[in-house]
Amino acid sequence: MKNNTHHLAIKFGKTLRNLRLQANLSQEEFAHLCKIHRTYIGSIERGEKNITLEMANRVATVLGTSLSAMIALAEDIHDE
């Protein structure tokens, strides 16, 4: 189960990074808008942290999308 959870965290992190870059935001700018620390954003993007639903909803809102849309994008990422 742990590997599956880590796999999902990596996919969500990649999705977050892609959307942040599409919004032309640095990690620092994005973290400021989300009111969280920049290093936390980096660890989420690398799949090192398992983000809470509350935080995931916050980052989705800052990115101008819904949490369900972010999850759908993450699910569409193919395994490498």
Protein backbone atom coordinates (compact mmCIF):
# COMPACT_ATOMS: atom_id res chain seq x y z
CA MET A 1 0.00 0.00 0.00
CA LYS A 2 2.85 2.40 0.81
CA ASN A 3 4.22 2.15 -2.75
CA ASN A 4 0.81 2.92 -4.22
CA THR A 5 0.43 5.95 -1.95
CA HIS A 6 3.90 7.18 -2.90
CA HIS A 7 3.08 6.63 -6.59
CA LEU A 8 -0.05 8.78 -6.23
CA ALA A 9 1.91 11.49 -4.42
CA ILE A 10 4.42 11.60 -7.29
CA LYS A 11 1.66 11.89 -9.89
CA PHE A 12 -0.09 14.66 -7.94
CA GLY A 13 3.23 16.46 -7.49
CA LYS A 14 3.97 16.35 -11.21
CA THR A 15 0.51 17.70 -11.92
CA LEU A 16 0.98 20.51 -9.42
CA ARG A 17 4.34 21.44 -10.93
CA ASN A 18 2.95 21.42 -14.49
CA LEU A 19 0.01 23.64 -13.54
CA ARG A 20 2.24 26.00 -11.55
CA LEU A 21 4.60 26.37 -14.51
CA GLN A 22 1.67 26.90 -16.90
CA ALA A 23 0.57 29.71 -14.57
CA ASN A 24 4.10 31.13 -14.89
CA LEU A 25 4.66 31.06 -11.13
CA SER A 26 7.89 30.30 -9.34
CA GLN A 27 7.74 28.03 -6.31
CA GLU A 28 8.33 31.07 -4.14
CA GLU A 29 5.52 33.12 -5.72
CA PHE A 30 3.16 30.16 -5.60
CA ALA A 31 3.97 29.37 -1.98
CA HIS A 32 3.31 33.00 -1.04
CA LEU A 33 -0.10 32.90 -2.73
CA CYS A 34 -0.92 29.62 -0.97
CA LYS A 35 0.39 30.96 2.36
CA ILE A 36 2.73 27.99 2.82
CA HIS A 37 6.51 27.57 2.83
CA ARG A 38 8.34 27.22 -0.49
CA THR A 39 10.18 24.09 0.59
CA TYR A 40 6.84 22.42 1.29
CA ILE A 41 5.76 23.12 -2.30
CA GLY A 42 9.00 21.56 -3.54
CA SER A 43 8.52 18.43 -1.46
CA ILE A 44 4.94 18.05 -2.69
CA GLU A 45 6.08 18.45 -6.31
CA ARG A 46 8.73 15.75 -5.80
CA GLY A 47 6.19 13.42 -4.21
CA GLU A 48 7.99 13.45 -0.87
CA LYS A 49 5.00 14.76 1.08
CA ASN A 50 1.48 13.38 1.06
CA ILE A 51 -0.64 16.53 0.77
CA THR A 52 -3.85 16.87 2.80
CA LEU A 53 -7.18 17.39 1.07
CA GLU A 54 -7.44 20.85 2.62
CA MET A 55 -4.02 21.87 1.27
CA ALA A 56 -4.69 20.25 -2.11
CA ASN A 57 -7.89 22.26 -2.40
CA ARG A 58 -6.00 25.43 -1.48
CA VAL A 59 -3.36 24.93 -4.18
CA ALA A 60 -6.04 24.06 -6.75
CA THR A 61 -7.91 27.26 -5.92
CA VAL A 62 -4.75 29.37 -6.26
CA LEU A 63 -4.13 27.70 -9.63
CA GLY A 64 -7.68 28.57 -10.73
CA THR A 65 -8.84 24.98 -11.04
CA SER A 66 -10.76 22.45 -8.99
CA LEU A 67 -9.31 19.70 -6.88
CA SER A 68 -11.24 17.14 -8.93
CA ALA A 69 -9.66 18.48 -12.14
CA MET A 70 -6.19 18.21 -10.60
CA ILE A 71 -6.84 14.65 -9.49
CA ALA A 72 -8.12 13.74 -12.97
CA LEU A 73 -4.95 15.19 -14.51
CA ALA A 74 -2.80 13.27 -12.04
CA GLU A 75 -4.62 10.03 -12.85
CA ASP A 76 -3.89 10.58 -16.56
CA ILE A 77 -0.12 10.69 -16.02
CA HIS A 78 1.37 7.53 -17.46
CA ASP A 79 3.81 5.46 -15.46
CA GLU A 80 7.41 5.92 -16.43
